C-alpha atoms as a PDB file:
ATOM      1  CA  MET A   1      69.431 192.228  79.479  1.00  0.00           C
ATOM      2  CA  ARG A   2      72.216 191.567  81.988  1.00  0.00           C
ATOM      3  CA  ILE A   3      72.941 194.546  84.229  1.00  0.00           C
ATOM      4  CA  VAL A   4      75.400 195.158  87.056  1.00  0.00           C
ATOM      5  CA  LEU A   5      74.381 197.965  89.438  1.00  0.00           C
ATOM      6  CA  LEU A   6      77.285 199.894  90.898  1.00  0.00           C
ATOM      7  CA  GLY A   7      77.322 202.660  93.469  1.00  0.00           C
ATOM      8  CA  ALA A   8      78.289 203.372  97.030  1.00  0.00           C
ATOM      9  CA  PRO A   9      76.032 202.265  99.893  1.00  0.00           C
ATOM     10  CA  GLY A  10      73.060 204.624  99.912  1.00  0.00           C
ATOM     11  CA  SER A  11      73.326 205.514  96.219  1.00  0.00           C
ATOM     12  CA  GLY A  12      69.909 203.989  95.498  1.00  0.00           C
ATOM     13  CA  LYS A  13      70.869 200.671  93.866  1.00  0.00           C
ATOM     14  CA  GLY A  14      68.231 198.682  95.740  1.00  0.00           C
ATOM     15  CA  THR A  15      65.399 201.090  94.988  1.00  0.00           C
ATOM     16  CA  GLN A  16      66.293 201.569  91.335  1.00  0.00           C
ATOM     17  CA  GLY A  17      66.942 197.841  90.949  1.00  0.00           C
ATOM     18  CA  GLU A  18      63.382 197.094  92.047  1.00  0.00           C
ATOM     19  CA  LYS A  19      62.054 199.632  89.545  1.00  0.00           C
ATOM     20  CA  LEU A  20      64.099 197.908  86.807  1.00  0.00           C
ATOM     21  CA  VAL A  21      62.675 194.511  87.835  1.00  0.00           C
ATOM     22  CA  ALA A  22      59.138 195.856  87.351  1.00  0.00           C
ATOM     23  CA  LYS A  23      60.004 197.465  84.006  1.00  0.00           C
ATOM     24  CA  LEU A  24      62.179 194.727  82.460  1.00  0.00           C
ATOM     25  CA  GLY A  25      60.615 191.618  84.007  1.00  0.00           C
ATOM     26  CA  ILE A  26      63.955 190.115  85.022  1.00  0.00           C
ATOM     27  CA  PRO A  27      65.093 189.254  88.554  1.00  0.00           C
ATOM     28  CA  LYS A  28      67.283 191.426  90.747  1.00  0.00           C
ATOM     29  CA  ILE A  29      69.913 189.287  92.358  1.00  0.00           C
ATOM     30  CA  SER A  30      71.270 190.750  95.561  1.00  0.00           C
ATOM     31  CA  THR A  31      74.139 188.814  97.122  1.00  0.00           C
ATOM     32  CA  GLY A  32      72.597 189.303 100.561  1.00  0.00           C
ATOM     33  CA  ASP A  33      69.249 187.938  99.395  1.00  0.00           C
ATOM     34  CA  ALA A  34      70.942 185.069  97.519  1.00  0.00           C
ATOM     35  CA  LEU A  35      72.941 184.126 100.634  1.00  0.00           C
ATOM     36  CA  ARG A  36      69.843 184.147 102.828  1.00  0.00           C
ATOM     37  CA  ALA A  37      67.920 182.061 100.251  1.00  0.00           C
ATOM     38  CA  ALA A  38      70.739 179.492 100.015  1.00  0.00           C
ATOM     39  CA  VAL A  39      70.868 179.237 103.808  1.00  0.00           C
ATOM     40  CA  ALA A  40      67.059 178.861 104.010  1.00  0.00           C
ATOM     41  CA  ALA A  41      67.085 176.218 101.257  1.00  0.00           C
ATOM     42  CA  GLY A  42      69.819 174.306 103.064  1.00  0.00           C
ATOM     43  CA  THR A  43      72.011 173.990  99.959  1.00  0.00           C
ATOM     44  CA  GLU A  44      75.593 172.814 100.456  1.00  0.00           C
ATOM     45  CA  LEU A  45      76.883 176.346  99.885  1.00  0.00           C
ATOM     46  CA  GLY A  46      74.113 177.739 102.072  1.00  0.00           C
ATOM     47  CA  LEU A  47      75.219 175.502 104.945  1.00  0.00           C
ATOM     48  CA  LEU A  48      78.834 176.671 104.521  1.00  0.00           C
ATOM     49  CA  ALA A  49      77.666 180.295 104.479  1.00  0.00           C
ATOM     50  CA  LYS A  50      75.520 179.722 107.588  1.00  0.00           C
ATOM     51  CA  ALA A  51      78.467 178.272 109.473  1.00  0.00           C
ATOM     52  CA  ALA A  52      80.592 181.314 108.628  1.00  0.00           C
ATOM     53  CA  MET A  53      77.807 183.768 109.560  1.00  0.00           C
ATOM     54  CA  ASN A  54      77.089 181.945 112.835  1.00  0.00           C
ATOM     55  CA  ALA A  55      80.790 182.198 113.692  1.00  0.00           C
ATOM     56  CA  GLY A  56      80.621 185.942 113.046  1.00  0.00           C
ATOM     57  CA  LYS A  57      82.929 185.705 110.027  1.00  0.00           C
ATOM     58  CA  LEU A  58      82.672 187.077 106.533  1.00  0.00           C
ATOM     59  CA  VAL A  59      81.403 184.528 104.027  1.00  0.00           C
ATOM     60  CA  ALA A  60      84.333 183.383 101.911  1.00  0.00           C
ATOM     61  CA  ASN A  61      84.633 184.720  98.386  1.00  0.00           C
ATOM     62  CA  GLU A  62      84.343 181.203  96.891  1.00  0.00           C
ATOM     63  CA  ILE A  63      81.049 180.622  98.719  1.00  0.00           C
ATOM     64  CA  VAL A  64      79.576 183.958  97.563  1.00  0.00           C
ATOM     65  CA  ILE A  65      80.653 183.225  93.975  1.00  0.00           C
ATOM     66  CA  GLY A  66      79.167 179.730  94.189  1.00  0.00           C
ATOM     67  CA  ILE A  67      75.855 181.031  95.531  1.00  0.00           C
ATOM     68  CA  VAL A  68      75.660 183.683  92.797  1.00  0.00           C
ATOM     69  CA  GLU A  69      76.420 180.980  90.207  1.00  0.00           C
ATOM     70  CA  GLU A  70      73.655 178.746  91.606  1.00  0.00           C
ATOM     71  CA  ARG A  71      71.234 181.677  91.417  1.00  0.00           C
ATOM     72  CA  LEU A  72      72.192 182.587  87.843  1.00  0.00           C
ATOM     73  CA  GLU A  73      71.501 178.988  86.785  1.00  0.00           C
ATOM     74  CA  GLN A  74      67.850 179.256  87.827  1.00  0.00           C
ATOM     75  CA  ALA A  75      65.335 179.492  84.995  1.00  0.00           C
ATOM     76  CA  ASP A  76      64.105 183.023  85.776  1.00  0.00           C
ATOM     77  CA  ALA A  77      67.642 184.421  85.371  1.00  0.00           C
ATOM     78  CA  LYS A  78      68.264 182.865  81.931  1.00  0.00           C
ATOM     79  CA  PRO A  79      66.682 185.751  79.960  1.00  0.00           C
ATOM     80  CA  GLY A  80      68.543 188.332  82.017  1.00  0.00           C
ATOM     81  CA  PHE A  81      69.156 189.703  85.504  1.00  0.00           C
ATOM     82  CA  ILE A  82      70.154 192.712  87.550  1.00  0.00           C
ATOM     83  CA  LEU A  83      73.090 192.157  89.908  1.00  0.00           C
ATOM     84  CA  ASP A  84      73.226 194.241  93.090  1.00  0.00           C
ATOM     85  CA  GLY A  85      76.220 193.721  95.367  1.00  0.00           C
ATOM     86  CA  PHE A  86      78.152 191.455  93.007  1.00  0.00           C
ATOM     87  CA  PRO A  87      80.736 191.784  91.663  1.00  0.00           C
ATOM     88  CA  ARG A  88      82.374 193.781  94.459  1.00  0.00           C
ATOM     89  CA  ASN A  89      85.813 193.971  92.877  1.00  0.00           C
ATOM     90  CA  THR A  90      87.604 193.458  89.568  1.00  0.00           C
ATOM     91  CA  GLU A  91      88.574 189.883  90.405  1.00  0.00           C
ATOM     92  CA  GLN A  92      84.922 188.966  90.996  1.00  0.00           C
ATOM     93  CA  ALA A  93      83.988 190.705  87.720  1.00  0.00           C
ATOM     94  CA  LYS A  94      86.466 188.499  85.849  1.00  0.00           C
ATOM     95  CA  VAL A  95      85.025 185.416  87.589  1.00  0.00           C
ATOM     96  CA  LEU A  96      81.511 186.547  86.597  1.00  0.00           C
ATOM     97  CA  ASP A  97      82.562 186.955  82.955  1.00  0.00           C
ATOM     98  CA  ALA A  98      84.103 183.463  82.923  1.00  0.00           C
ATOM     99  CA  MET A  99      81.036 182.011  84.694  1.00  0.00           C
ATOM    100  CA  LEU A 100      78.628 183.410  82.088  1.00  0.00           C
ATOM    101  CA  LEU A 101      80.843 182.144  79.270  1.00  0.00           C
ATOM    102  CA  ARG A 102      81.097 178.688  80.860  1.00  0.00           C
ATOM    103  CA  HIS A 103      77.304 178.463  81.100  1.00  0.00           C
ATOM    104  CA  GLY A 104      76.798 179.638  77.537  1.00  0.00           C
ATOM    105  CA  GLN A 105      75.091 182.835  78.680  1.00  0.00           C
ATOM    106  CA  PRO A 106      75.639 186.233  77.071  1.00  0.00           C
ATOM    107  CA  ALA A 107      78.028 188.646  78.771  1.00  0.00           C
ATOM    108  CA  ILE A 108      77.022 191.612  80.922  1.00  0.00           C
ATOM    109  CA  ASP A 109      75.303 194.225  78.749  1.00  0.00           C
ATOM    110  CA  LYS A 110      75.620 197.289  80.991  1.00  0.00           C
ATOM    111  CA  ALA A 111      77.211 198.318  84.252  1.00  0.00           C
ATOM    112  CA  VAL A 112      75.054 201.138  85.632  1.00  0.00           C
ATOM    113  CA  HIS A 113      76.937 203.398  88.035  1.00  0.00           C
ATOM    114  CA  LEU A 114      74.743 205.557  90.281  1.00  0.00           C
ATOM    115  CA  GLN A 115      76.922 208.610  90.958  1.00  0.00           C
ATOM    116  CA  VAL A 116      76.183 210.313  94.276  1.00  0.00           C
ATOM    117  CA  GLU A 117      78.537 212.600  96.190  1.00  0.00           C
ATOM    118  CA  ASP A 118      79.835 211.295  99.513  1.00  0.00           C
ATOM    119  CA  GLU A 119      78.149 214.008 101.594  1.00  0.00           C
ATOM    120  CA  GLU A 120      74.765 213.201 100.033  1.00  0.00           C
ATOM    121  CA  ILE A 121      75.290 209.493 100.777  1.00  0.00           C
ATOM    122  CA  ILE A 122      76.121 210.300 104.392  1.00  0.00           C
ATOM    123  CA  ARG A 123      72.961 212.438 104.636  1.00  0.00           C
ATOM    124  CA  ARG A 124      70.800 209.674 103.101  1.00  0.00           C
ATOM    125  CA  LEU A 125      72.177 206.890 105.261  1.00  0.00           C
ATOM    126  CA  HIS A 126      71.890 209.026 108.385  1.00  0.00           C
ATOM    127  CA  LEU A 127      68.202 209.738 107.585  1.00  0.00           C
ATOM    128  CA  ARG A 128      67.587 206.053 106.834  1.00  0.00           C
ATOM    129  CA  ALA A 129      69.222 205.094 110.146  1.00  0.00           C
ATOM    130  CA  ILE A 130      66.933 207.492 112.013  1.00  0.00           C
ATOM    131  CA  LYS A 131      63.799 206.246 110.175  1.00  0.00           C
ATOM    132  CA  GLU A 132      64.660 202.586 110.735  1.00  0.00           C
ATOM    133  CA  GLY A 133      65.943 203.079 114.276  1.00  0.00           C
ATOM    134  CA  ARG A 134      69.386 201.787 113.335  1.00  0.00           C
ATOM    135  CA  HIS A 135      71.848 203.147 115.840  1.00  0.00           C
ATOM    136  CA  ASP A 136      74.822 201.382 114.253  1.00  0.00           C
ATOM    137  CA  ASP A 137      74.882 203.703 111.219  1.00  0.00           C
ATOM    138  CA  LYS A 138      76.835 206.546 112.777  1.00  0.00           C
ATOM    139  CA  GLU A 139      78.689 208.996 110.545  1.00  0.00           C
ATOM    140  CA  ASP A 140      82.096 207.390 111.157  1.00  0.00           C
ATOM    141  CA  VAL A 141      80.686 203.957 110.242  1.00  0.00           C
ATOM    142  CA  ILE A 142      79.086 205.380 107.099  1.00  0.00           C
ATOM    143  CA  ARG A 143      82.339 207.104 106.106  1.00  0.00           C
ATOM    144  CA  HIS A 144      84.195 203.809 106.597  1.00  0.00           C
ATOM    145  CA  ARG A 145      81.710 201.998 104.333  1.00  0.00           C
ATOM    146  CA  ILE A 146      82.281 204.653 101.651  1.00  0.00           C
ATOM    147  CA  GLU A 147      86.070 204.267 102.016  1.00  0.00           C
ATOM    148  CA  VAL A 148      85.762 200.485 101.603  1.00  0.00           C
ATOM    149  CA  TYR A 149      83.582 200.998  98.528  1.00  0.00           C
ATOM    150  CA  ASN A 150      86.059 203.467  97.013  1.00  0.00           C
ATOM    151  CA  ALA A 151      88.991 201.138  97.651  1.00  0.00           C
ATOM    152  CA  GLU A 152      87.417 197.841  96.569  1.00  0.00           C
ATOM    153  CA  THR A 153      84.446 198.436  94.291  1.00  0.00           C
ATOM    154  CA  HIS A 154      85.151 201.791  92.612  1.00  0.00           C
ATOM    155  CA  PRO A 155      87.910 200.208  90.414  1.00  0.00           C
ATOM    156  CA  LEU A 156      85.133 198.239  88.688  1.00  0.00           C
ATOM    157  CA  LEU A 157      84.198 201.441  86.897  1.00  0.00           C
ATOM    158  CA  ALA A 158      87.462 201.302  84.926  1.00  0.00           C
ATOM    159  CA  TYR A 159      86.991 197.585  84.265  1.00  0.00           C
ATOM    160  CA  TYR A 160      83.563 198.083  82.691  1.00  0.00           C
ATOM    161  CA  GLU A 161      84.618 201.354  81.002  1.00  0.00           C
ATOM    162  CA  ALA A 162      87.375 199.428  79.188  1.00  0.00           C
ATOM    163  CA  GLN A 163      84.679 197.052  77.879  1.00  0.00           C
ATOM    164  CA  HIS A 164      82.470 200.004  76.779  1.00  0.00           C
ATOM    165  CA  LYS A 165      79.723 198.775  79.111  1.00  0.00           C
ATOM    166  CA  LEU A 166      79.793 201.470  81.799  1.00  0.00           C
ATOM    167  CA  VAL A 167      77.059 204.078  81.983  1.00  0.00           C
ATOM    168  CA  THR A 168      77.164 206.652  84.771  1.00  0.00           C
ATOM    169  CA  VAL A 169      73.875 208.139  85.915  1.00  0.00           C
ATOM    170  CA  GLN A 170      73.462 211.002  88.359  1.00  0.00           C
ATOM    171  CA  GLY A 171      71.748 209.421  91.375  1.00  0.00           C
ATOM    172  CA  VAL A 172      70.331 212.669  92.740  1.00  0.00           C
ATOM    173  CA  GLY A 173      66.783 213.878  92.104  1.00  0.00           C
ATOM    174  CA  SER A 174      63.387 212.264  92.382  1.00  0.00           C
ATOM    175  CA  LEU A 175      63.217 208.469  92.142  1.00  0.00           C
ATOM    176  CA  ASP A 176      61.383 208.775  88.827  1.00  0.00           C
ATOM    177  CA  GLU A 177      63.920 211.246  87.401  1.00  0.00           C
ATOM    178  CA  ILE A 178      66.796 208.919  88.291  1.00  0.00           C
ATOM    179  CA  PHE A 179      64.915 205.941  86.866  1.00  0.00           C
ATOM    180  CA  GLU A 180      64.306 207.747  83.564  1.00  0.00           C
ATOM    181  CA  ARG A 181      68.047 208.547  83.373  1.00  0.00           C
ATOM    182  CA  ILE A 182      68.824 204.862  83.881  1.00  0.00           C
ATOM    183  CA  LEU A 183      66.376 203.788  81.187  1.00  0.00           C
ATOM    184  CA  GLY A 184      67.881 206.330  78.785  1.00  0.00           C
ATOM    185  CA  ALA A 185      71.385 205.110  79.582  1.00  0.00           C
ATOM    186  CA  ILE A 186      70.677 201.392  79.064  1.00  0.00           C
ATOM    187  CA  GLY A 187      68.688 201.955  75.876  1.00  0.00           C
END
């Protein structure tokens, strides 16, 4: 199964993605993790990403796409995967579709959208910031991250809806309740 996890920061994608890994036996591919792995491995794209990060810049779209492509070519991702943090916008989703086709892999099966109201996300991220001692996650910063998500990533819902691949799951409740909703939604 090939799954894209969608949801605002703090919606629970990381937690639920790990539960899906354990249940389905396929890797979760987080763009952040993939970038760090490419840098650690010293791949050509990893070195380009490291140079951008060391300069305090965002890693270019082409580099992120290349690193995701390298990761999807690894043997453990052939039977399926869970993407967390990619694609971030409709253009990246189109690139992903073309990439899978080019490599002879099946298309994305489901895009799972974890629906959580903005105020709940702010509450969750504020609590996480307190627990982890992160002083950078102030309410205005959190609200900005939600605005960026709504502007850039939220349009992906329509993209996957048009392909009849979108399933929206309420991301509020116990972790197990949410997980059971996801399992029901993906079949």
